[in-house]
Each structure stands twice: as structure tokens, then as C-alpha cells.
Amino acid sequence: MEKLSTVLHRLLKNIFLVPVYLYKGLLSPFFGQSCIYSPSCSSYMVDAVFKHGCIKGGIMGLARIFRCSRMFMGGKDLVPETWSWKAIKDAYILFRRH
């Protein structure tokens, strides 16, 4: 049996991600494949929140969404195993168009 705290953490993460799930289910089908990254920004947000928690994962997801523009090259960009401001900054440098 899972600990109650583990179940509550998972529930809070899913509640936090409701807007992302709504976007993926209701709006994303109308826009088609518009993300320049793989996995998509919404999938990245879900992965980041489940890996690093609501606050840190949310920061990583929002930073990724802000990077999803023509100023950046795009490509394969997975959620880092460890959270750091350096990892967020490095992604901006790595994918920037020169």
C-alpha cells in the first residue's frame, strides 16, 4: 500500500496540471503539431512536474514554453534528471539560433 503522502503528492501534481491537460485535450488538436521541440512543451511540463515537483517543474515547463519560438532551433529536449537554474539557462544557450 502506498503511503498517504505519496498519494497526496501525486493528486496535487495532477490538480496543478489540470490546465495543461485541458490544453492537450481541448485546444492542442486544433493547432496541430506546432511545438518545435520533442517532446512537446505540454508533455515536457507534465514530465517536469512529476520529476521535480510543482514549483521547480512548473518553472522548467514555463521556461520551455517561453523558448518555443522561432528564435530557437528546437529539437530533442528532455527534462534534466537534476533541477538547477544552470540547466534552465543552458537550454536557452543550447537551442538559440545564431
PDB file of N, CA and C in Angstrom:
ATOM      1  N   MET A   1       0.843  -1.188   0.000  1.00  0.00           N
ATOM      2  CA  MET A   1       0.000   0.000   0.000  1.00  0.00           C
ATOM      3  C   MET A   1       0.884   1.245   0.000  1.00  0.00           C
ATOM      4  N   GLU A   2       0.518   2.188  -0.863  1.00  0.00           N
ATOM      5  CA  GLU A   2       1.303   3.421  -0.938  1.00  0.00           C
ATOM      6  C   GLU A   2       1.045   4.278   0.285  1.00  0.00           C
ATOM      7  N   LYS A   3       2.056   5.047   0.634  1.00  0.00           N
ATOM      8  CA  LYS A   3       1.897   5.973   1.736  1.00  0.00           C
ATOM      9  C   LYS A   3       0.897   7.049   1.354  1.00  0.00           C
ATOM     10  N   LEU A   4       0.191   7.544   2.324  1.00  0.00           N
ATOM     11  CA  LEU A   4      -0.791   8.596   2.091  1.00  0.00           C
ATOM     12  C   LEU A   4      -0.136   9.846   1.522  1.00  0.00           C
ATOM     13  N   SER A   5       1.055  10.178   1.989  1.00  0.00           N
ATOM     14  CA  SER A   5       1.729  11.371   1.490  1.00  0.00           C
ATOM     15  C   SER A   5       2.073  11.252   0.006  1.00  0.00           C
ATOM     16  N   THR A   6       2.451  10.050  -0.441  1.00  0.00           N
ATOM     17  CA  THR A   6       2.759   9.831  -1.854  1.00  0.00           C
ATOM     18  C   THR A   6       1.515  10.021  -2.705  1.00  0.00           C
ATOM     19  N   VAL A   7       0.402   9.500  -2.248  1.00  0.00           N
ATOM     20  CA  VAL A   7      -0.857   9.640  -2.969  1.00  0.00           C
ATOM     21  C   VAL A   7      -1.268  11.113  -3.015  1.00  0.00           C
ATOM     22  N   LEU A   8      -1.116  11.826  -1.915  1.00  0.00           N
ATOM     23  CA  LEU A   8      -1.468  13.245  -1.881  1.00  0.00           C
ATOM     24  C   LEU A   8      -0.572  14.074  -2.799  1.00  0.00           C
ATOM     25  N   HIS A   9       0.722  13.769  -2.827  1.00  0.00           N
ATOM     26  CA  HIS A   9       1.635  14.483  -3.722  1.00  0.00           C
ATOM     27  C   HIS A   9       1.240  14.278  -5.177  1.00  0.00           C
ATOM     28  N   ARG A  10       0.911  13.046  -5.537  1.00  0.00           N
ATOM     29  CA  ARG A  10       0.502  12.761  -6.908  1.00  0.00           C
ATOM     30  C   ARG A  10      -0.805  13.480  -7.242  1.00  0.00           C
ATOM     31  N   LEU A  11      -1.732  13.520  -6.303  1.00  0.00           N
ATOM     32  CA  LEU A  11      -3.002  14.217  -6.507  1.00  0.00           C
ATOM     33  C   LEU A  11      -2.779  15.716  -6.698  1.00  0.00           C
ATOM     34  N   LEU A  12      -1.925  16.315  -5.875  1.00  0.00           N
ATOM     35  CA  LEU A  12      -1.636  17.746  -6.002  1.00  0.00           C
ATOM     36  C   LEU A  12      -0.968  18.061  -7.345  1.00  0.00           C
ATOM     37  N   LYS A  13      -0.072  17.207  -7.784  1.00  0.00           N
ATOM     38  CA  LYS A  13       0.583  17.413  -9.079  1.00  0.00           C
ATOM     39  C   LYS A  13      -0.440  17.358 -10.206  1.00  0.00           C
ATOM     40  N   ASN A  14      -1.359  16.399 -10.131  1.00  0.00           N
ATOM     41  CA  ASN A  14      -2.386  16.296 -11.171  1.00  0.00           C
ATOM     42  C   ASN A  14      -3.337  17.491 -11.147  1.00  0.00           C
ATOM     43  N   ILE A  15      -3.667  17.993  -9.981  1.00  0.00           N
ATOM     44  CA  ILE A  15      -4.515  19.191  -9.885  1.00  0.00           C
ATOM     45  C   ILE A  15      -3.772  20.390 -10.477  1.00  0.00           C
ATOM     46  N   PHE A  16      -2.490  20.515 -10.153  1.00  0.00           N
ATOM     47  CA  PHE A  16      -1.672  21.598 -10.689  1.00  0.00           C
ATOM     48  C   PHE A  16      -1.628  21.544 -12.217  1.00  0.00           C
ATOM     49  N   LEU A  17      -1.657  20.341 -12.775  1.00  0.00           N
ATOM     50  CA  LEU A  17      -1.528  20.154 -14.215  1.00  0.00           C
ATOM     51  C   LEU A  17      -2.858  20.174 -14.973  1.00  0.00           C
ATOM     52  N   VAL A  18      -3.971  20.425 -14.291  1.00  0.00           N
ATOM     53  CA  VAL A  18      -5.276  20.457 -14.963  1.00  0.00           C
ATOM     54  C   VAL A  18      -5.276  21.396 -16.175  1.00  0.00           C
ATOM     55  N   PRO A  19      -4.736  22.634 -16.075  1.00  0.00           N
ATOM     56  CA  PRO A  19      -4.724  23.487 -17.273  1.00  0.00           C
ATOM     57  C   PRO A  19      -3.945  22.871 -18.448  1.00  0.00           C
ATOM     58  N   VAL A  20      -2.876  22.167 -18.153  1.00  0.00           N
ATOM     59  CA  VAL A  20      -2.091  21.520 -19.213  1.00  0.00           C
ATOM     60  C   VAL A  20      -2.897  20.391 -19.845  1.00  0.00           C
ATOM     61  N   TYR A  21      -3.558  19.586 -18.997  1.00  0.00           N
ATOM     62  CA  TYR A  21      -4.383  18.501 -19.523  1.00  0.00           C
ATOM     63  C   TYR A  21      -5.538  19.042 -20.365  1.00  0.00           C
ATOM     64  N   LEU A  22      -6.138  20.140 -19.938  1.00  0.00           N
ATOM     65  CA  LEU A  22      -7.212  20.757 -20.716  1.00  0.00           C
ATOM     66  C   LEU A  22      -6.690  21.257 -22.058  1.00  0.00           C
ATOM     67  N   TYR A  23      -5.529  21.890 -22.033  1.00  0.00           N
ATOM     68  CA  TYR A  23      -4.924  22.357 -23.284  1.00  0.00           C
ATOM     69  C   TYR A  23      -4.670  21.184 -24.224  1.00  0.00           C
ATOM     70  N   LYS A  24      -4.044  20.117 -23.693  1.00  0.00           N
ATOM     71  CA  LYS A  24      -3.715  18.964 -24.526  1.00  0.00           C
ATOM     72  C   LYS A  24      -4.961  18.306 -25.110  1.00  0.00           C
ATOM     73  N   GLY A  25      -6.035  18.272 -24.351  1.00  0.00           N
ATOM     74  CA  GLY A  25      -7.242  17.588 -24.807  1.00  0.00           C
ATOM     75  C   GLY A  25      -8.172  18.435 -25.645  1.00  0.00           C
ATOM     76  N   LEU A  26      -8.273  19.734 -25.326  1.00  0.00           N
ATOM     77  CA  LEU A  26      -9.265  20.580 -25.980  1.00  0.00           C
ATOM     78  C   LEU A  26      -8.698  21.509 -27.043  1.00  0.00           C
ATOM     79  N   LEU A  27      -7.554  22.107 -26.809  1.00  0.00           N
ATOM     80  CA  LEU A  27      -7.018  23.106 -27.732  1.00  0.00           C
ATOM     81  C   LEU A  27      -5.960  22.568 -28.681  1.00  0.00           C
ATOM     82  N   SER A  28      -5.082  21.743 -28.191  1.00  0.00           N
ATOM     83  CA  SER A  28      -3.964  21.250 -28.989  1.00  0.00           C
ATOM     84  C   SER A  28      -4.397  20.578 -30.301  1.00  0.00           C
ATOM     85  N   PRO A  29      -5.473  19.796 -30.322  1.00  0.00           N
ATOM     86  CA  PRO A  29      -5.875  19.180 -31.592  1.00  0.00           C
ATOM     87  C   PRO A  29      -6.182  20.196 -32.697  1.00  0.00           C
ATOM     88  N   PHE A  30      -6.623  21.399 -32.341  1.00  0.00           N
ATOM     89  CA  PHE A  30      -6.940  22.417 -33.335  1.00  0.00           C
ATOM     90  C   PHE A  30      -5.690  23.103 -33.889  1.00  0.00           C
ATOM     91  N   PHE A  31      -4.599  23.125 -33.124  1.00  0.00           N
ATOM     92  CA  PHE A  31      -3.371  23.780 -33.557  1.00  0.00           C
ATOM     93  C   PHE A  31      -2.444  22.852 -34.320  1.00  0.00           C
ATOM     94  N   GLY A  32      -2.638  21.565 -34.201  1.00  0.00           N
ATOM     95  CA  GLY A  32      -1.745  20.615 -34.859  1.00  0.00           C
ATOM     96  C   GLY A  32      -0.389  20.579 -34.179  1.00  0.00           C
ATOM     97  N   GLN A  33       0.589  20.022 -34.859  1.00  0.00           N
ATOM     98  CA  GLN A  33       1.941  19.911 -34.314  1.00  0.00           C
ATOM     99  C   GLN A  33       2.657  21.251 -34.489  1.00  0.00           C
ATOM    100  N   SER A  34       2.608  22.091 -33.461  1.00  0.00           N
ATOM    101  CA  SER A  34       3.218  23.415 -33.586  1.00  0.00           C
ATOM    102  C   SER A  34       4.465  23.591 -32.723  1.00  0.00           C
ATOM    103  N   CYS A  35       4.750  22.647 -31.848  1.00  0.00           N
ATOM    104  CA  CYS A  35       5.912  22.758 -30.967  1.00  0.00           C
ATOM    105  C   CYS A  35       7.178  22.391 -31.735  1.00  0.00           C
ATOM    106  N   ILE A  36       8.223  23.168 -31.529  1.00  0.00           N
ATOM    107  CA  ILE A  36       9.482  22.915 -32.226  1.00  0.00           C
ATOM    108  C   ILE A  36      10.363  21.897 -31.491  1.00  0.00           C
ATOM    109  N   TYR A  37       9.921  21.484 -30.321  1.00  0.00           N
ATOM    110  CA  TYR A  37      10.696  20.552 -29.506  1.00  0.00           C
ATOM    111  C   TYR A  37      10.057  19.174 -29.468  1.00  0.00           C
ATOM    112  N   SER A  38      10.847  18.208 -29.111  1.00  0.00           N
ATOM    113  CA  SER A  38      10.374  16.861 -28.864  1.00  0.00           C
ATOM    114  C   SER A  38      10.887  16.434 -27.498  1.00  0.00           C
ATOM    115  N   PRO A  39      10.079  16.056 -26.565  1.00  0.00           N
ATOM    116  CA  PRO A  39       8.620  16.015 -26.585  1.00  0.00           C
ATOM    117  C   PRO A  39       8.020  17.421 -26.606  1.00  0.00           C
ATOM    118  N   SER A  40       6.716  17.492 -26.859  1.00  0.00           N
ATOM    119  CA  SER A  40       6.048  18.791 -26.935  1.00  0.00           C
ATOM    120  C   SER A  40       6.154  19.529 -25.602  1.00  0.00           C
ATOM    121  N   CYS A  41       5.915  20.819 -25.641  1.00  0.00           N
ATOM    122  CA  CYS A  41       6.037  21.630 -24.424  1.00  0.00           C
ATOM    123  C   CYS A  41       5.069  21.181 -23.324  1.00  0.00           C
ATOM    124  N   SER A  42       3.855  20.785 -23.718  1.00  0.00           N
ATOM    125  CA  SER A  42       2.899  20.343 -22.702  1.00  0.00           C
ATOM    126  C   SER A  42       3.336  19.014 -22.084  1.00  0.00           C
ATOM    127  N   SER A  43       3.868  18.113 -22.883  1.00  0.00           N
ATOM    128  CA  SER A  43       4.379  16.847 -22.336  1.00  0.00           C
ATOM    129  C   SER A  43       5.600  17.092 -21.460  1.00  0.00           C
ATOM    130  N   TYR A  44       6.439  18.041 -21.861  1.00  0.00           N
ATOM    131  CA  TYR A  44       7.610  18.416 -21.064  1.00  0.00           C
ATOM    132  C   TYR A  44       7.168  18.941 -19.697  1.00  0.00           C
ATOM    133  N   MET A  45       6.133  19.784 -19.677  1.00  0.00           N
ATOM    134  CA  MET A  45       5.621  20.339 -18.419  1.00  0.00           C
ATOM    135  C   MET A  45       5.157  19.216 -17.491  1.00  0.00           C
ATOM    136  N   VAL A  46       4.402  18.261 -18.037  1.00  0.00           N
ATOM    137  CA  VAL A  46       3.919  17.136 -17.225  1.00  0.00           C
ATOM    138  C   VAL A  46       5.100  16.345 -16.678  1.00  0.00           C
ATOM    139  N   ASP A  47       6.057  16.014 -17.530  1.00  0.00           N
ATOM    140  CA  ASP A  47       7.236  15.253 -17.086  1.00  0.00           C
ATOM    141  C   ASP A  47       8.024  16.021 -16.026  1.00  0.00           C
ATOM    142  N   ALA A  48       8.214  17.320 -16.225  1.00  0.00           N
ATOM    143  CA  ALA A  48       8.985  18.130 -15.282  1.00  0.00           C
ATOM    144  C   ALA A  48       8.300  18.199 -13.921  1.00  0.00           C
ATOM    145  N   VAL A  49       6.993  18.364 -13.920  1.00  0.00           N
ATOM    146  CA  VAL A  49       6.262  18.447 -12.643  1.00  0.00           C
ATOM    147  C   VAL A  49       6.321  17.116 -11.908  1.00  0.00           C
ATOM    148  N   PHE A  50       6.150  16.011 -12.618  1.00  0.00           N
ATOM    149  CA  PHE A  50       6.207  14.719 -11.936  1.00  0.00           C
ATOM    150  C   PHE A  50       7.626  14.362 -11.496  1.00  0.00           C
ATOM    151  N   LYS A  51       8.622  14.875 -12.178  1.00  0.00           N
ATOM    152  CA  LYS A  51      10.001  14.575 -11.807  1.00  0.00           C
ATOM    153  C   LYS A  51      10.533  15.504 -10.713  1.00  0.00           C
ATOM    154  N   HIS A  52      10.159  16.807 -10.766  1.00  0.00           N
ATOM    155  CA  HIS A  52      10.763  17.790  -9.868  1.00  0.00           C
ATOM    156  C   HIS A  52       9.780  18.516  -8.954  1.00  0.00           C
ATOM    157  N   GLY A  53       8.499  18.228  -9.059  1.00  0.00           N
ATOM    158  CA  GLY A  53       7.516  18.879  -8.207  1.00  0.00           C
ATOM    159  C   GLY A  53       6.862  20.063  -8.902  1.00  0.00           C
ATOM    160  N   CYS A  54       5.812  20.583  -8.269  1.00  0.00           N
ATOM    161  CA  CYS A  54       5.001  21.641  -8.884  1.00  0.00           C
ATOM    162  C   CYS A  54       5.785  22.933  -9.112  1.00  0.00           C
ATOM    163  N   ILE A  55       6.538  23.373  -8.141  1.00  0.00           N
ATOM    164  CA  ILE A  55       7.221  24.662  -8.268  1.00  0.00           C
ATOM    165  C   ILE A  55       8.399  24.564  -9.232  1.00  0.00           C
ATOM    166  N   LYS A  56       9.328  23.670  -8.954  1.00  0.00           N
ATOM    167  CA  LYS A  56      10.512  23.549  -9.814  1.00  0.00           C
ATOM    168  C   LYS A  56      10.137  23.056 -11.214  1.00  0.00           C
ATOM    169  N   GLY A  57       9.267  22.062 -11.289  1.00  0.00           N
ATOM    170  CA  GLY A  57       8.831  21.561 -12.585  1.00  0.00           C
ATOM    171  C   GLY A  57       8.033  22.605 -13.343  1.00  0.00           C
ATOM    172  N   GLY A  58       7.221  23.380 -12.621  1.00  0.00           N
ATOM    173  CA  GLY A  58       6.469  24.456 -13.252  1.00  0.00           C
ATOM    174  C   GLY A  58       7.385  25.522 -13.832  1.00  0.00           C
ATOM    175  N   ILE A  59       8.442  25.856 -13.102  1.00  0.00           N
ATOM    176  CA  ILE A  59       9.425  26.828 -13.609  1.00  0.00           C
ATOM    177  C   ILE A  59      10.088  26.292 -14.869  1.00  0.00           C
ATOM    178  N   MET A  60      10.485  25.011 -14.836  1.00  0.00           N
ATOM    179  CA  MET A  60      11.118  24.415 -16.013  1.00  0.00           C
ATOM    180  C   MET A  60      10.156  24.395 -17.195  1.00  0.00           C
ATOM    181  N   GLY A  61       8.905  24.035 -16.952  1.00  0.00           N
ATOM    182  CA  GLY A  61       7.917  23.984 -18.023  1.00  0.00           C
ATOM    183  C   GLY A  61       7.639  25.350 -18.622  1.00  0.00           C
ATOM    184  N   LEU A  62       7.510  26.357 -17.773  1.00  0.00           N
ATOM    185  CA  LEU A  62       7.270  27.714 -18.277  1.00  0.00           C
ATOM    186  C   LEU A  62       8.475  28.232 -19.058  1.00  0.00           C
ATOM    187  N   ALA A  63       9.681  27.942 -18.575  1.00  0.00           N
ATOM    188  CA  ALA A  63      10.883  28.352 -19.306  1.00  0.00           C
ATOM    189  C   ALA A  63      10.904  27.691 -20.682  1.00  0.00           C
ATOM    190  N   ARG A  64      10.497  26.448 -20.750  1.00  0.00           N
ATOM    191  CA  ARG A  64      10.448  25.733 -22.034  1.00  0.00           C
ATOM    192  C   ARG A  64       9.414  26.366 -22.958  1.00  0.00           C
ATOM    193  N   ILE A  65       8.237  26.717 -22.436  1.00  0.00           N
ATOM    194  CA  ILE A  65       7.200  27.351 -23.244  1.00  0.00           C
ATOM    195  C   ILE A  65       7.694  28.684 -23.789  1.00  0.00           C
ATOM    196  N   PHE A  66       8.412  29.459 -22.972  1.00  0.00           N
ATOM    197  CA  PHE A  66       8.950  30.739 -23.434  1.00  0.00           C
ATOM    198  C   PHE A  66      10.020  30.549 -24.513  1.00  0.00           C
ATOM    199  N   ARG A  67      10.704  29.385 -24.503  1.00  0.00           N
ATOM    200  CA  ARG A  67      11.711  29.089 -25.517  1.00  0.00           C
ATOM    201  C   ARG A  67      11.109  28.596 -26.828  1.00  0.00           C
ATOM    202  N   CYS A  68       9.838  28.250 -26.832  1.00  0.00           N
ATOM    203  CA  CYS A  68       9.206  27.662 -28.015  1.00  0.00           C
ATOM    204  C   CYS A  68       8.811  28.767 -28.995  1.00  0.00           C
ATOM    205  N   SER A  69       9.804  29.302 -29.694  1.00  0.00           N
ATOM    206  CA  SER A  69       9.567  30.359 -30.673  1.00  0.00           C
ATOM    207  C   SER A  69      10.587  30.222 -31.798  1.00  0.00           C
ATOM    208  N   ARG A  70      10.437  31.017 -32.816  1.00  0.00           N
ATOM    209  CA  ARG A  70      11.338  30.953 -33.969  1.00  0.00           C
ATOM    210  C   ARG A  70      12.758  31.418 -33.641  1.00  0.00           C
ATOM    211  N   MET A  71      12.949  32.027 -32.482  1.00  0.00           N
ATOM    212  CA  MET A  71      14.297  32.455 -32.090  1.00  0.00           C
ATOM    213  C   MET A  71      15.180  31.266 -31.713  1.00  0.00           C
ATOM    214  N   PHE A  72      14.564  30.105 -31.509  1.00  0.00           N
ATOM    215  CA  PHE A  72      15.289  28.915 -31.078  1.00  0.00           C
ATOM    216  C   PHE A  72      15.142  27.823 -32.130  1.00  0.00           C
ATOM    217  N   MET A  73      16.110  26.930 -32.195  1.00  0.00           N
ATOM    218  CA  MET A  73      16.154  25.891 -33.222  1.00  0.00           C
ATOM    219  C   MET A  73      15.177  24.755 -32.964  1.00  0.00           C
ATOM    220  N   GLY A  74      14.955  24.406 -31.723  1.00  0.00           N
ATOM    221  CA  GLY A  74      14.127  23.250 -31.411  1.00  0.00           C
ATOM    222  C   GLY A  74      14.951  21.979 -31.447  1.00  0.00           C
ATOM    223  N   GLY A  75      14.266  20.848 -31.361  1.00  0.00           N
ATOM    224  CA  GLY A  75      14.949  19.558 -31.373  1.00  0.00           C
ATOM    225  C   GLY A  75      14.582  18.749 -30.145  1.00  0.00           C
ATOM    226  N   LYS A  76      15.331  17.691 -29.916  1.00  0.00           N
ATOM    227  CA  LYS A  76      15.073  16.812 -28.780  1.00  0.00           C
ATOM    228  C   LYS A  76      15.559  17.488 -27.502  1.00  0.00           C
ATOM    229  N   ASP A  77      14.639  17.647 -26.544  1.00  0.00           N
ATOM    230  CA  ASP A  77      14.948  18.340 -25.290  1.00  0.00           C
ATOM    231  C   ASP A  77      14.193  17.653 -24.165  1.00  0.00           C
ATOM    232  N   LEU A  78      14.875  16.805 -23.445  1.00  0.00           N
ATOM    233  CA  LEU A  78      14.255  16.054 -22.354  1.00  0.00           C
ATOM    234  C   LEU A  78      14.422  16.790 -21.028  1.00  0.00           C
ATOM    235  N   VAL A  79      13.588  16.462 -20.070  1.00  0.00           N
ATOM    236  CA  VAL A  79      13.674  17.048 -18.733  1.00  0.00           C
ATOM    237  C   VAL A  79      14.955  16.547 -18.069  1.00  0.00           C
ATOM    238  N   PRO A  80      15.792  17.462 -17.550  1.00  0.00           N
ATOM    239  CA  PRO A  80      17.022  17.024 -16.875  1.00  0.00           C
ATOM    240  C   PRO A  80      16.714  16.211 -15.608  1.00  0.00           C
ATOM    241  N   GLU A  81      17.605  15.309 -15.291  1.00  0.00           N
ATOM    242  CA  GLU A  81      17.421  14.481 -14.087  1.00  0.00           C
ATOM    243  C   GLU A  81      17.515  15.306 -12.806  1.00  0.00           C
ATOM    244  N   THR A  82      18.379  16.308 -12.801  1.00  0.00           N
ATOM    245  CA  THR A  82      18.526  17.159 -11.629  1.00  0.00           C
ATOM    246  C   THR A  82      18.081  18.575 -11.973  1.00  0.00           C
ATOM    247  N   TRP A  83      17.461  19.224 -11.028  1.00  0.00           N
ATOM    248  CA  TRP A  83      16.957  20.576 -11.243  1.00  0.00           C
ATOM    249  C   TRP A  83      18.023  21.584 -10.865  1.00  0.00           C
ATOM    250  N   SER A  84      18.221  22.580 -11.731  1.00  0.00           N
ATOM    251  CA  SER A  84      19.122  23.682 -11.400  1.00  0.00           C
ATOM    252  C   SER A  84      18.817  24.852 -12.322  1.00  0.00           C
ATOM    253  N   TRP A  85      19.144  26.046 -11.851  1.00  0.00           N
ATOM    254  CA  TRP A  85      18.995  27.227 -12.697  1.00  0.00           C
ATOM    255  C   TRP A  85      19.938  27.130 -13.898  1.00  0.00           C
ATOM    256  N   LYS A  86      21.080  26.499 -13.688  1.00  0.00           N
ATOM    257  CA  LYS A  86      22.054  26.338 -14.759  1.00  0.00           C
ATOM    258  C   LYS A  86      21.471  25.500 -15.894  1.00  0.00           C
ATOM    259  N   ALA A  87      20.733  24.447 -15.564  1.00  0.00           N
ATOM    260  CA  ALA A  87      20.128  23.599 -16.601  1.00  0.00           C
ATOM    261  C   ALA A  87      19.120  24.397 -17.435  1.00  0.00           C
ATOM    262  N   ILE A  88      18.365  25.278 -16.778  1.00  0.00           N
ATOM    263  CA  ILE A  88      17.396  26.110 -17.489  1.00  0.00           C
ATOM    264  C   ILE A  88      18.128  27.084 -18.405  1.00  0.00           C
ATOM    265  N   LYS A  89      19.164  27.728 -17.874  1.00  0.00           N
ATOM    266  CA  LYS A  89      19.937  28.694 -18.661  1.00  0.00           C
ATOM    267  C   LYS A  89      20.652  28.013 -19.826  1.00  0.00           C
ATOM    268  N   ASP A  90      21.224  26.843 -19.573  1.00  0.00           N
ATOM    269  CA  ASP A  90      21.947  26.123 -20.625  1.00  0.00           C
ATOM    270  C   ASP A  90      21.036  25.753 -21.794  1.00  0.00           C
ATOM    271  N   ALA A  91      19.777  25.446 -21.515  1.00  0.00           N
ATOM    272  CA  ALA A  91      18.848  25.104 -22.593  1.00  0.00           C
ATOM    273  C   ALA A  91      18.600  26.317 -23.489  1.00  0.00           C
ATOM    274  N   TYR A  92      18.550  27.510 -22.902  1.00  0.00           N
ATOM    275  CA  TYR A  92      18.395  28.721 -23.711  1.00  0.00           C
ATOM    276  C   TYR A  92      19.601  28.915 -24.631  1.00  0.00           C
ATOM    277  N   ILE A  93      20.786  28.622 -24.124  1.00  0.00           N
ATOM    278  CA  ILE A  93      22.009  28.791 -24.919  1.00  0.00           C
ATOM    279  C   ILE A  93      22.126  27.687 -25.971  1.00  0.00           C
ATOM    280  N   LEU A  94      21.830  26.451 -25.595  1.00  0.00           N
ATOM    281  CA  LEU A  94      21.982  25.302 -26.484  1.00  0.00           C
ATOM    282  C   LEU A  94      21.102  25.404 -27.732  1.00  0.00           C
ATOM    283  N   PHE A  95      19.854  25.869 -27.558  1.00  0.00           N
ATOM    284  CA  PHE A  95      18.900  25.853 -28.668  1.00  0.00           C
ATOM    285  C   PHE A  95      18.775  27.212 -29.368  1.00  0.00           C
ATOM    286  N   ARG A  96      19.534  28.209 -28.938  1.00  0.00           N
ATOM    287  CA  ARG A  96      19.434  29.540 -29.532  1.00  0.00           C
ATOM    288  C   ARG A  96      19.959  29.533 -30.969  1.00  0.00           C
ATOM    289  N   ARG A  97      19.269  30.259 -31.832  1.00  0.00           N
ATOM    290  CA  ARG A  97      19.741  30.414 -33.223  1.00  0.00           C
ATOM    291  C   ARG A  97      20.847  31.459 -33.227  1.00  0.00           C
ATOM    292  N   HIS A  98      21.866  31.210 -33.976  1.00  0.00           N
ATOM    293  CA  HIS A  98      22.996  32.157 -34.044  1.00  0.00           C
ATOM    294  C   HIS A  98      22.898  33.005 -35.264  1.00  0.00           C
TER     295      HIS A  98
END
